[in-house]
């Protein structure tokens, strides 16, 4: 959120329109990454925010896991 230096992000890396198009990237806060605080009904100290990324370039080394396995990584969190 507002105070994060890094963002774990699901991104589209393919063009088939299936879940196999998703990969997980670690995106560092920098040029092209903007956050805007979201007002909530509880304390603002937790930093809940909308994250906007425009034209962000991420090195291939920031791929988390294998390309095309991002959807499965997200689903593992629900187990």
Protein backbone atom coordinates (compact mmCIF):
# COMPACT_ATOMS: atom_id res chain seq x y z
CA UNK A 1 0.00 0.00 0.00
CA UNK A 2 1.07 3.52 0.80
CA UNK A 3 4.21 2.46 2.65
CA UNK A 4 5.36 -0.50 0.51
CA UNK A 5 8.65 -0.50 -1.35
CA UNK A 6 7.78 -3.66 -3.32
CA UNK A 7 4.54 -5.06 -4.77
CA UNK A 8 3.80 -8.71 -5.57
CA UNK A 9 1.73 -8.42 -8.73
CA UNK A 10 -0.14 -10.82 -11.01
CA UNK A 11 0.48 -9.79 -14.61
CA UNK A 12 -0.61 -11.04 -18.03
CA UNK A 13 2.38 -12.58 -19.83
CA UNK A 14 0.55 -14.45 -22.59
CA UNK A 15 -2.15 -13.82 -25.17
CA UNK A 16 -4.38 -16.90 -25.08
CA UNK A 17 -6.93 -15.47 -22.62
CA UNK A 18 -6.53 -18.38 -20.23
CA UNK A 19 -5.22 -18.54 -16.65
CA UNK A 20 -1.92 -19.82 -18.10
CA UNK A 21 -1.28 -16.22 -19.23
CA UNK A 22 -0.69 -15.02 -15.67
CA UNK A 23 2.68 -14.74 -13.96
CA UNK A 24 3.77 -13.25 -10.63
CA UNK A 25 6.27 -10.38 -10.58
CA UNK A 26 7.98 -8.49 -7.78
CA UNK A 27 7.67 -4.82 -8.74
CA UNK A 28 9.84 -2.26 -6.99
CA UNK A 29 8.40 1.17 -6.23
CA UNK A 30 9.92 3.61 -8.71
CA UNK A 31 9.21 5.39 -11.96
CA UNK A 32 5.72 4.57 -13.21
CA UNK A 33 4.44 3.27 -9.85
CA UNK A 34 2.00 5.53 -8.01
CA UNK A 35 -0.08 4.94 -4.88
CA UNK A 36 -3.17 6.79 -3.69
CA UNK A 37 -4.51 6.27 -0.20
CA UNK A 38 -7.99 4.78 0.06
CA UNK A 39 -10.17 6.08 2.86
CA UNK A 40 -11.54 3.23 4.94
CA UNK A 41 -13.93 2.99 7.88
CA UNK A 42 -11.05 2.10 10.18
CA UNK A 43 -7.67 3.65 10.85
CA UNK A 44 -5.67 5.14 7.98
CA UNK A 45 -2.38 4.06 9.60
CA UNK A 46 -2.50 0.69 7.79
CA UNK A 47 -1.95 2.46 4.45
CA UNK A 48 -4.65 0.81 2.33
CA UNK A 49 -4.00 2.14 -1.16
CA UNK A 50 -4.79 1.93 -4.84
CA UNK A 51 -1.64 1.09 -6.79
CA UNK A 52 -1.34 2.49 -10.33
CA UNK A 53 1.36 1.20 -12.68
CA UNK A 54 1.99 2.86 -16.04
CA UNK A 55 4.86 1.94 -18.33
CA UNK A 56 6.70 0.05 -15.59
CA UNK A 57 9.65 -2.07 -16.69
CA UNK A 58 10.52 -5.05 -14.54
CA UNK A 59 13.70 -7.13 -14.88
CA UNK A 60 13.21 -10.80 -15.74
CA UNK A 61 14.97 -11.66 -12.45
CA UNK A 62 11.86 -10.39 -10.63
CA UNK A 63 9.70 -13.24 -11.97
CA UNK A 64 8.40 -15.17 -8.96
CA UNK A 65 8.17 -18.86 -9.74
CA UNK A 66 7.65 -19.99 -13.32
CA UNK A 67 6.13 -17.96 -16.13
CA UNK A 68 2.47 -18.85 -16.67
CA UNK A 69 2.00 -20.24 -13.15
CA UNK A 70 0.76 -17.03 -11.49
CA UNK A 71 -2.89 -18.09 -11.34
CA UNK A 72 -1.92 -21.30 -9.53
CA UNK A 73 0.22 -19.31 -7.09
CA UNK A 74 -2.78 -17.11 -6.28
CA UNK A 75 -5.08 -20.14 -5.82
CA UNK A 76 -2.61 -21.78 -3.40
CA UNK A 77 -3.29 -18.88 -1.02
CA UNK A 78 -6.92 -19.97 -0.73
CA UNK A 79 -6.00 -23.48 0.40
